[in-house]
């Protein structure tokens, strides 16, 4: 009797990832395109080519003529008026024009400003209306009601008592 084939460890037998399922090959994600070609497709190229305001302002050749050069310029450009704003706190004294008003001519965030429509002058007789979504042209939902419409049987319809409508 040979002892080389005998298992010296008692039951229950402990298993690990290698002994339970067998050895697995290393999993590696394969890509269909090489990197230099994949970088030319969306969304990578769209995200890479569009700059944010911060990335534009960090470039070496960026120059903003309205930006303050030092702390004195920053304080001089505040909205503080000594006669009107006496005894204000330090945070209120240092408020800038860009913080207080929208008409300063600078872009602060990557947002599209909503332009408010000017209401028509008083006494304007016409009102414009746009349907919020386009309806089907064959739908009779918004049609003018009448007995000679295509919703009826070739333009004719009967009254509730059974007679015909006449004009």
N, C-alpha and C. Protein backbone atom coordinates (compact mmCIF):
# COMPACT_ATOMS: atom_id res chain seq x y z
N UNK A 1 0.83 -1.16 0.00
CA UNK A 1 0.00 0.00 0.00
C UNK A 1 0.89 1.24 0.00
N UNK A 2 0.60 2.14 -0.93
CA UNK A 2 1.42 3.34 -1.11
C UNK A 2 0.78 4.51 -0.38
N UNK A 3 1.58 5.25 0.34
CA UNK A 3 1.07 6.40 1.09
C UNK A 3 1.12 7.69 0.29
N UNK A 4 1.65 7.69 -0.91
CA UNK A 4 1.77 8.89 -1.73
C UNK A 4 0.40 9.36 -2.23
N UNK A 5 -0.57 8.43 -2.37
CA UNK A 5 -1.88 8.80 -2.89
C UNK A 5 -2.88 9.11 -1.79
N UNK A 6 -2.47 8.91 -0.58
CA UNK A 6 -3.38 9.10 0.54
C UNK A 6 -3.40 10.57 0.96
N UNK A 7 -4.61 11.11 1.26
CA UNK A 7 -4.77 12.49 1.71
C UNK A 7 -4.55 12.55 3.21
N UNK A 8 -3.52 13.25 3.68
CA UNK A 8 -3.23 13.24 5.11
C UNK A 8 -4.14 14.15 5.93
N UNK A 9 -4.91 15.05 5.27
CA UNK A 9 -5.74 16.00 6.00
C UNK A 9 -7.13 15.44 6.23
N UNK A 10 -7.71 15.65 7.39
CA UNK A 10 -9.04 15.10 7.68
C UNK A 10 -10.15 15.91 7.01
N UNK A 11 -11.33 15.31 7.01
CA UNK A 11 -12.50 16.02 6.50
C UNK A 11 -13.03 16.96 7.57
N UNK A 12 -13.74 18.02 7.34
CA UNK A 12 -14.14 18.57 6.05
C UNK A 12 -12.94 19.20 5.35
N UNK A 13 -12.98 19.09 4.09
CA UNK A 13 -11.87 19.56 3.29
C UNK A 13 -12.06 21.04 2.97
N UNK A 14 -11.08 21.86 3.25
CA UNK A 14 -11.17 23.29 2.97
C UNK A 14 -10.82 23.54 1.52
N UNK A 15 -11.60 24.47 0.92
CA UNK A 15 -11.37 24.76 -0.50
C UNK A 15 -11.10 26.25 -0.68
N UNK A 16 -10.32 26.54 -1.66
CA UNK A 16 -10.01 27.93 -2.00
C UNK A 16 -10.51 28.20 -3.41
N UNK A 17 -10.21 29.36 -3.92
CA UNK A 17 -10.67 29.69 -5.26
C UNK A 17 -10.05 28.79 -6.32
N UNK A 18 -8.83 28.33 -6.11
CA UNK A 18 -8.19 27.49 -7.09
C UNK A 18 -8.73 26.05 -7.04
N UNK A 19 -9.00 25.54 -5.86
CA UNK A 19 -9.43 24.14 -5.79
C UNK A 19 -10.93 23.98 -6.02
N UNK A 20 -11.73 25.04 -5.78
CA UNK A 20 -13.18 24.91 -5.95
C UNK A 20 -13.57 24.93 -7.42
N UNK A 21 -13.14 25.92 -8.13
CA UNK A 21 -13.55 26.06 -9.52
C UNK A 21 -12.43 25.75 -10.50
N UNK A 22 -11.29 25.43 -10.02
CA UNK A 22 -10.17 25.18 -10.91
C UNK A 22 -9.46 26.49 -11.22
N UNK A 23 -8.34 26.44 -11.84
CA UNK A 23 -7.60 27.65 -12.17
C UNK A 23 -8.29 28.39 -13.30
N UNK A 24 -8.47 29.70 -13.10
CA UNK A 24 -9.09 30.52 -14.13
C UNK A 24 -8.02 31.32 -14.85
N UNK A 25 -8.18 31.50 -16.15
CA UNK A 25 -7.24 32.39 -16.83
C UNK A 25 -7.51 33.84 -16.41
N UNK A 26 -6.51 34.65 -16.44
CA UNK A 26 -6.69 36.04 -16.03
C UNK A 26 -7.61 36.72 -17.03
N UNK A 27 -8.57 37.46 -16.48
CA UNK A 27 -9.54 38.13 -17.34
C UNK A 27 -9.01 39.51 -17.69
N UNK A 28 -8.99 39.81 -18.98
CA UNK A 28 -8.52 41.09 -19.45
C UNK A 28 -9.53 41.63 -20.45
N UNK A 29 -9.92 42.88 -20.25
CA UNK A 29 -10.89 43.48 -21.16
C UNK A 29 -10.22 43.77 -22.49
N UNK A 30 -10.83 43.29 -23.53
CA UNK A 30 -10.29 43.56 -24.86
C UNK A 30 -11.13 44.66 -25.51
N UNK A 31 -10.47 45.57 -26.13
CA UNK A 31 -11.15 46.69 -26.78
C UNK A 31 -11.19 46.45 -28.27
N UNK A 32 -12.25 46.93 -28.89
CA UNK A 32 -12.40 46.71 -30.32
C UNK A 32 -11.53 47.64 -31.14
N UNK A 33 -11.18 48.81 -30.59
CA UNK A 33 -10.37 49.78 -31.33
C UNK A 33 -9.11 50.08 -30.54
N UNK A 34 -8.05 50.45 -31.24
CA UNK A 34 -6.87 50.93 -30.52
C UNK A 34 -7.15 52.29 -29.86
N UNK A 35 -6.34 52.67 -28.91
CA UNK A 35 -6.59 53.86 -28.11
C UNK A 35 -6.61 55.12 -28.96
N UNK A 36 -5.69 55.26 -29.90
CA UNK A 36 -5.61 56.50 -30.69
C UNK A 36 -6.84 56.67 -31.59
N UNK A 37 -7.50 55.59 -31.97
CA UNK A 37 -8.73 55.71 -32.76
C UNK A 37 -9.96 55.89 -31.87
N UNK A 38 -9.96 55.25 -30.71
CA UNK A 38 -11.09 55.38 -29.80
C UNK A 38 -11.20 56.78 -29.23
N UNK A 39 -10.08 57.50 -29.13
CA UNK A 39 -10.10 58.85 -28.58
C UNK A 39 -10.71 59.86 -29.54
N UNK A 40 -10.92 59.49 -30.79
CA UNK A 40 -11.52 60.39 -31.76
C UNK A 40 -13.04 60.26 -31.79
N UNK A 41 -13.60 59.30 -31.07
CA UNK A 41 -15.05 59.08 -31.06
C UNK A 41 -15.67 59.78 -29.86
N UNK A 42 -17.00 59.94 -29.93
CA UNK A 42 -17.74 60.48 -28.78
C UNK A 42 -17.83 59.41 -27.72
N UNK A 43 -17.94 59.69 -26.48
CA UNK A 43 -17.96 61.01 -25.86
C UNK A 43 -16.57 61.54 -25.51
N UNK A 44 -15.53 60.75 -25.75
CA UNK A 44 -14.20 61.17 -25.32
C UNK A 44 -13.76 62.44 -26.02
N UNK A 45 -13.90 62.50 -27.35
CA UNK A 45 -13.42 63.68 -28.07
C UNK A 45 -14.28 64.89 -27.75
N UNK A 46 -15.58 64.69 -27.55
CA UNK A 46 -16.46 65.81 -27.21
C UNK A 46 -16.08 66.39 -25.86
N UNK A 47 -15.78 65.53 -24.91
CA UNK A 47 -15.39 66.01 -23.58
C UNK A 47 -13.99 66.61 -23.59
N UNK A 48 -13.12 66.08 -24.42
CA UNK A 48 -11.75 66.58 -24.46
C UNK A 48 -11.66 67.92 -25.18
N UNK A 49 -12.45 68.11 -26.23
CA UNK A 49 -12.34 69.33 -27.02
C UNK A 49 -13.11 70.50 -26.44
N UNK A 50 -14.14 70.25 -25.65
CA UNK A 50 -14.90 71.35 -25.07
C UNK A 50 -14.25 71.77 -23.76
N UNK A 51 -13.94 73.05 -23.66
CA UNK A 51 -13.24 73.55 -22.49
C UNK A 51 -14.22 74.15 -21.50
N UNK A 52 -13.92 74.03 -20.24
CA UNK A 52 -14.71 74.69 -19.21
C UNK A 52 -14.12 76.07 -18.97
N UNK A 53 -14.85 76.89 -18.23
CA UNK A 53 -14.34 78.23 -17.94
C UNK A 53 -13.07 78.16 -17.10
N UNK A 54 -13.02 77.23 -16.17
CA UNK A 54 -11.84 77.12 -15.32
C UNK A 54 -10.62 76.67 -16.11
N UNK A 55 -10.79 75.69 -16.99
CA UNK A 55 -9.64 75.23 -17.77
C UNK A 55 -9.17 76.31 -18.74
N UNK A 56 -10.08 77.12 -19.25
CA UNK A 56 -9.68 78.23 -20.13
C UNK A 56 -8.91 79.27 -19.35
N UNK A 57 -9.35 79.57 -18.14
CA UNK A 57 -8.69 80.60 -17.33
C UNK A 57 -7.34 80.15 -16.79
N UNK A 58 -7.06 78.84 -16.77
CA UNK A 58 -5.77 78.34 -16.30
C UNK A 58 -4.73 78.24 -17.41
N UNK A 59 -5.10 78.56 -18.63
CA UNK A 59 -4.14 78.48 -19.72
C UNK A 59 -3.15 79.64 -19.63
N UNK A 60 -1.97 79.45 -20.20
CA UNK A 60 -0.90 80.44 -20.07
C UNK A 60 -1.21 81.71 -20.84
N UNK A 61 -1.89 81.62 -21.97
CA UNK A 61 -2.13 82.80 -22.80
C UNK A 61 -3.46 83.48 -22.49
N UNK A 62 -4.15 83.07 -21.43
CA UNK A 62 -5.42 83.68 -21.06
C UNK A 62 -5.16 85.03 -20.39
N UNK A 63 -5.91 86.06 -20.80
CA UNK A 63 -5.78 87.38 -20.21
C UNK A 63 -7.17 87.96 -20.02
N UNK A 64 -7.45 88.41 -18.82
CA UNK A 64 -8.73 89.03 -18.51
C UNK A 64 -8.45 90.47 -18.09
N UNK A 65 -8.81 91.45 -18.92
CA UNK A 65 -8.51 92.84 -18.57
C UNK A 65 -9.34 93.34 -17.38
N UNK A 66 -10.46 92.70 -17.09
CA UNK A 66 -11.30 93.15 -15.99
C UNK A 66 -10.91 92.51 -14.66
N UNK A 67 -10.03 91.56 -14.67
CA UNK A 67 -9.64 90.88 -13.43
C UNK A 67 -8.78 91.81 -12.59
N UNK A 68 -8.98 91.82 -11.27
CA UNK A 68 -8.15 92.69 -10.41
C UNK A 68 -6.71 92.17 -10.34
N UNK A 69 -5.77 93.13 -10.31
CA UNK A 69 -4.35 92.76 -10.27
C UNK A 69 -3.90 92.42 -8.86
N UNK A 70 -4.45 93.08 -7.86
CA UNK A 70 -4.06 92.83 -6.48
C UNK A 70 -5.25 93.08 -5.58
N UNK A 71 -5.04 93.03 -4.26
CA UNK A 71 -6.15 93.18 -3.31
C UNK A 71 -6.71 94.59 -3.32
N UNK A 72 -5.91 95.58 -3.65
CA UNK A 72 -6.40 96.95 -3.71
C UNK A 72 -7.41 97.10 -4.86
N UNK A 73 -7.08 96.55 -6.01
CA UNK A 73 -8.03 96.58 -7.13
C UNK A 73 -9.32 95.84 -6.78
N UNK A 74 -9.18 94.75 -6.06
CA UNK A 74 -10.36 93.98 -5.66
C UNK A 74 -11.27 94.81 -4.75
N UNK A 75 -10.69 95.53 -3.82
CA UNK A 75 -11.48 96.36 -2.90
C UNK A 75 -12.07 97.56 -3.63
N UNK A 76 -11.32 98.14 -4.57
CA UNK A 76 -11.82 99.32 -5.28
C UNK A 76 -12.98 98.99 -6.23
N UNK A 77 -13.07 97.75 -6.68
CA UNK A 77 -14.15 97.37 -7.59
C UNK A 77 -15.41 96.90 -6.87
N UNK A 78 -15.46 97.03 -5.57
CA UNK A 78 -16.63 96.57 -4.82
C UNK A 78 -17.80 97.52 -5.02
N UNK A 79 -18.96 97.08 -4.59
CA UNK A 79 -20.18 97.88 -4.67
C UNK A 79 -20.38 98.74 -3.43
N UNK A 80 -19.40 98.83 -2.59
CA UNK A 80 -19.53 99.54 -1.31
C UNK A 80 -19.56 101.05 -1.54
N UNK A 81 -20.54 101.71 -0.94
CA UNK A 81 -20.62 103.16 -0.95
C UNK A 81 -20.62 103.61 0.51
N UNK A 82 -19.64 104.43 0.87
CA UNK A 82 -19.48 104.80 2.27
C UNK A 82 -20.67 105.58 2.80
N UNK A 83 -21.30 106.37 1.97
CA UNK A 83 -22.43 107.17 2.43
C UNK A 83 -23.70 106.33 2.57
N UNK A 84 -23.88 105.38 1.69
CA UNK A 84 -25.09 104.57 1.70
C UNK A 84 -24.96 103.34 2.59
N UNK A 85 -23.78 102.71 2.61
CA UNK A 85 -23.58 101.42 3.27
C UNK A 85 -22.73 101.53 4.52
N UNK A 86 -22.97 102.51 5.34
CA UNK A 86 -22.19 102.69 6.55
C UNK A 86 -22.47 101.58 7.55
N UNK A 87 -21.49 101.11 8.26
CA UNK A 87 -21.55 100.06 9.28
C UNK A 87 -21.97 98.70 8.71
N UNK A 88 -21.55 98.39 7.50
CA UNK A 88 -21.80 97.07 6.94
C UNK A 88 -20.70 96.13 7.37
N UNK A 89 -20.99 94.82 7.35
CA UNK A 89 -20.00 93.82 7.70
C UNK A 89 -18.96 93.66 6.60
N UNK A 90 -17.85 92.98 6.90
CA UNK A 90 -16.77 92.84 5.92
C UNK A 90 -17.21 92.03 4.71
N UNK A 91 -18.04 91.02 4.94
CA UNK A 91 -18.51 90.22 3.80
C UNK A 91 -19.43 91.03 2.88
N UNK A 92 -20.18 91.97 3.45
CA UNK A 92 -21.06 92.81 2.63
C UNK A 92 -20.29 93.95 1.98
N UNK A 93 -19.21 94.38 2.58
CA UNK A 93 -18.40 95.46 2.01
C UNK A 93 -17.68 94.98 0.76
N UNK A 94 -17.26 93.72 0.71
CA UNK A 94 -16.46 93.21 -0.40
C UNK A 94 -17.29 92.61 -1.54
N UNK A 95 -18.59 92.85 -1.57
CA UNK A 95 -19.42 92.31 -2.66
C UNK A 95 -19.03 92.97 -3.98
N UNK A 96 -18.87 92.14 -5.01
CA UNK A 96 -18.48 92.62 -6.33
C UNK A 96 -19.71 92.85 -7.21
N UNK A 97 -19.50 93.54 -8.30
CA UNK A 97 -20.59 93.82 -9.24
C UNK A 97 -21.15 92.54 -9.83
N UNK A 98 -20.29 91.56 -10.10
CA UNK A 98 -20.72 90.30 -10.70
C UNK A 98 -21.65 89.53 -9.77
N UNK A 99 -21.48 89.71 -8.46
CA UNK A 99 -22.32 89.01 -7.49
C UNK A 99 -23.68 89.67 -7.36
N UNK A 100 -23.71 90.98 -7.44
CA UNK A 100 -24.95 91.73 -7.18
C UNK A 100 -25.86 91.83 -8.39
N UNK A 101 -25.30 92.03 -9.58
CA UNK A 101 -26.11 92.32 -10.77
C UNK A 101 -25.79 91.32 -11.87
N UNK A 102 -26.73 91.18 -12.81
CA UNK A 102 -26.52 90.29 -13.95
C UNK A 102 -25.94 91.02 -15.15
N UNK A 103 -26.07 92.32 -15.22
CA UNK A 103 -25.63 93.09 -16.38
C UNK A 103 -24.20 93.58 -16.20
N UNK A 104 -23.26 92.67 -16.07
CA UNK A 104 -21.86 93.07 -15.88
C UNK A 104 -21.01 92.69 -17.08
N UNK A 105 -21.54 91.93 -18.01
CA UNK A 105 -20.83 91.62 -19.25
C UNK A 105 -19.82 90.49 -19.15
N UNK A 106 -19.77 89.76 -18.05
CA UNK A 106 -18.82 88.67 -17.91
C UNK A 106 -19.56 87.35 -17.79
N UNK A 107 -18.96 86.29 -18.29
CA UNK A 107 -19.52 84.95 -18.18
C UNK A 107 -18.91 84.29 -16.95
N UNK A 108 -19.76 83.95 -15.98
CA UNK A 108 -19.24 83.37 -14.74
C UNK A 108 -19.39 81.86 -14.70
N UNK A 109 -20.41 81.33 -15.35
CA UNK A 109 -20.64 79.89 -15.32
C UNK A 109 -21.02 79.41 -16.71
N UNK A 110 -20.84 78.10 -16.94
CA UNK A 110 -21.23 77.50 -18.21
C UNK A 110 -22.73 77.25 -18.23
N UNK A 111 -23.49 78.29 -18.23
CA UNK A 111 -24.94 78.17 -18.26
C UNK A 111 -25.49 79.08 -19.33
N UNK A 112 -26.56 78.63 -19.94
CA UNK A 112 -27.22 79.45 -20.94
C UNK A 112 -28.22 80.33 -20.22
N UNK A 113 -28.11 81.62 -20.43
CA UNK A 113 -29.03 82.54 -19.77
C UNK A 113 -30.37 82.52 -20.48
N UNK A 114 -31.41 82.44 -19.70
CA UNK A 114 -32.76 82.47 -20.24
C UNK A 114 -33.16 83.92 -20.47
N UNK A 115 -33.42 84.27 -21.71
CA UNK A 115 -33.82 85.63 -22.03
C UNK A 115 -35.33 85.73 -21.83
N UNK A 116 -35.73 86.66 -20.97
CA UNK A 116 -37.15 86.82 -20.72
C UNK A 116 -37.78 87.62 -21.85
N UNK A 117 -38.94 87.14 -22.29
CA UNK A 117 -39.64 87.82 -23.36
C UNK A 117 -40.33 89.05 -22.81
N UNK A 118 -40.25 90.12 -23.59
CA UNK A 118 -40.88 91.37 -23.17
C UNK A 118 -42.38 91.22 -23.37
N UNK A 119 -43.18 91.50 -22.36
CA UNK A 119 -44.63 91.40 -22.55
C UNK A 119 -45.12 92.45 -23.54
N UNK A 120 -46.18 92.14 -24.30
CA UNK A 120 -46.65 93.12 -25.29
C UNK A 120 -47.20 94.36 -24.59
N UNK A 121 -47.26 95.43 -25.35
CA UNK A 121 -47.75 96.69 -24.81
C UNK A 121 -49.21 96.54 -24.38
N UNK A 122 -49.59 97.36 -23.43
CA UNK A 122 -50.96 97.30 -22.92
C UNK A 122 -51.95 97.62 -24.03
N UNK A 123 -53.05 96.93 -24.03
CA UNK A 123 -54.08 97.15 -25.03
C UNK A 123 -53.81 96.46 -26.35
N UNK A 124 -52.84 95.56 -26.38
CA UNK A 124 -52.54 94.84 -27.62
C UNK A 124 -53.68 93.86 -27.91
N UNK A 125 -54.31 93.94 -29.10
CA UNK A 125 -55.50 93.13 -29.33
C UNK A 125 -55.22 91.65 -29.62
N UNK A 126 -54.05 91.32 -30.12
CA UNK A 126 -53.78 89.94 -30.52
C UNK A 126 -52.97 89.22 -29.45
N UNK A 127 -53.29 87.97 -29.26
CA UNK A 127 -52.52 87.13 -28.36
C UNK A 127 -51.95 85.97 -29.16
N UNK A 128 -50.69 85.70 -28.95
CA UNK A 128 -50.06 84.58 -29.64
C UNK A 128 -50.09 83.37 -28.73
N UNK A 129 -50.34 82.21 -29.33
CA UNK A 129 -50.38 80.98 -28.57
C UNK A 129 -49.71 79.90 -29.38
N UNK A 130 -48.91 79.10 -28.72
CA UNK A 130 -48.29 77.96 -29.37
C UNK A 130 -48.73 76.70 -28.66
N UNK A 131 -49.06 75.71 -29.46
CA UNK A 131 -49.47 74.45 -28.88
C UNK A 131 -48.25 73.77 -28.28
N UNK A 132 -48.34 73.27 -27.04
CA UNK A 132 -47.14 72.72 -26.40
C UNK A 132 -46.56 71.51 -27.11
N UNK A 133 -47.38 70.72 -27.75
CA UNK A 133 -46.84 69.60 -28.54
C UNK A 133 -47.68 69.46 -29.80
N UNK A 134 -47.07 68.91 -30.79
CA UNK A 134 -47.74 68.82 -32.08
C UNK A 134 -48.71 67.65 -32.07
N UNK A 135 -49.94 67.95 -32.41
CA UNK A 135 -50.98 66.93 -32.46
C UNK A 135 -51.04 66.34 -33.87
N UNK A 136 -51.67 65.21 -33.96
CA UNK A 136 -51.86 64.56 -35.25
C UNK A 136 -52.87 65.36 -36.07
N UNK A 137 -52.56 65.60 -37.36
CA UNK A 137 -53.47 66.39 -38.19
C UNK A 137 -54.79 65.67 -38.43
N UNK A 138 -54.81 64.36 -38.32
CA UNK A 138 -56.03 63.62 -38.55
C UNK A 138 -56.88 63.50 -37.29
N UNK A 139 -56.40 64.00 -36.18
CA UNK A 139 -57.14 63.91 -34.93
C UNK A 139 -58.26 64.95 -34.91
N UNK A 140 -59.41 64.57 -34.39
CA UNK A 140 -60.55 65.50 -34.31
C UNK A 140 -60.66 66.09 -32.92
N UNK A 141 -59.64 65.91 -32.12
CA UNK A 141 -59.69 66.35 -30.73
C UNK A 141 -59.82 67.87 -30.63
N UNK A 142 -59.05 68.61 -31.43
CA UNK A 142 -59.07 70.06 -31.37
C UNK A 142 -59.82 70.68 -32.54
N UNK A 143 -60.61 69.92 -33.25
CA UNK A 143 -61.31 70.43 -34.42
C UNK A 143 -62.53 71.26 -34.00
N UNK A 144 -62.96 72.09 -34.92
CA UNK A 144 -64.17 72.88 -34.69
C UNK A 144 -65.36 71.95 -34.84
N UNK A 145 -66.24 72.00 -33.87
CA UNK A 145 -67.37 71.08 -33.88
C UNK A 145 -68.44 71.57 -34.85
N UNK A 146 -69.07 70.63 -35.50
CA UNK A 146 -70.17 70.93 -36.42
C UNK A 146 -70.66 69.64 -37.03
N UNK A 147 -71.81 69.72 -37.71
CA UNK A 147 -72.37 68.49 -38.26
C UNK A 147 -71.82 68.17 -39.64
N UNK A 148 -71.09 69.10 -40.28
CA UNK A 148 -70.49 68.81 -41.58
C UNK A 148 -68.98 68.67 -41.44
N UNK A 149 -68.54 67.84 -40.54
CA UNK A 149 -67.11 67.58 -40.39
C UNK A 149 -66.81 66.16 -40.85
N UNK A 150 -65.53 65.87 -41.02
CA UNK A 150 -65.18 64.54 -41.49
C UNK A 150 -65.29 63.50 -40.39
N UNK A 151 -65.57 63.94 -39.18
CA UNK A 151 -65.76 62.98 -38.11
C UNK A 151 -67.10 62.28 -38.25
N UNK A 152 -67.99 62.89 -39.02
CA UNK A 152 -69.30 62.28 -39.21
C UNK A 152 -69.30 61.47 -40.49
N UNK A 153 -70.41 60.87 -40.80
CA UNK A 153 -70.52 60.01 -41.97
C UNK A 153 -70.67 60.87 -43.22
N UNK A 154 -69.59 61.12 -43.92
CA UNK A 154 -69.51 61.89 -45.15
C UNK A 154 -70.19 63.25 -45.02
N UNK A 155 -70.05 63.87 -43.86
CA UNK A 155 -70.59 65.20 -43.69
C UNK A 155 -72.02 65.22 -43.22
N UNK A 156 -72.68 64.09 -43.14
CA UNK A 156 -74.06 64.06 -42.68
C UNK A 156 -74.13 63.33 -41.35
N UNK A 157 -74.98 63.78 -40.49
CA UNK A 157 -75.18 63.09 -39.23
C UNK A 157 -76.63 63.23 -38.82
N UNK A 158 -77.03 62.43 -37.90
CA UNK A 158 -78.44 62.44 -37.45
C UNK A 158 -78.55 63.13 -36.11
N UNK A 159 -79.73 63.69 -35.89
CA UNK A 159 -80.05 64.28 -34.59
C UNK A 159 -80.28 63.15 -33.60
N UNK A 160 -80.28 63.49 -32.32
CA UNK A 160 -80.54 62.43 -31.33
C UNK A 160 -81.92 61.79 -31.49
N UNK A 161 -82.90 62.52 -32.08
CA UNK A 161 -84.22 61.90 -32.28
C UNK A 161 -84.32 61.10 -33.56
N UNK A 162 -83.24 61.07 -34.38
CA UNK A 162 -83.23 60.27 -35.59
C UNK A 162 -83.35 61.07 -36.87
N UNK A 163 -83.68 62.35 -36.80
CA UNK A 163 -83.83 63.17 -37.99
C UNK A 163 -82.48 63.67 -38.51
N UNK A 164 -82.46 64.29 -39.70
CA UNK A 164 -81.23 64.82 -40.29
C UNK A 164 -81.09 66.30 -39.93
N UNK A 165 -79.83 66.74 -39.80
CA UNK A 165 -79.55 68.14 -39.61
C UNK A 165 -79.73 68.84 -40.94
N UNK A 166 -80.30 70.02 -40.94
CA UNK A 166 -80.45 70.81 -42.16
C UNK A 166 -79.91 72.19 -41.92
N UNK A 167 -79.39 72.81 -42.98
CA UNK A 167 -78.90 74.17 -42.80
C UNK A 167 -79.77 75.16 -43.52
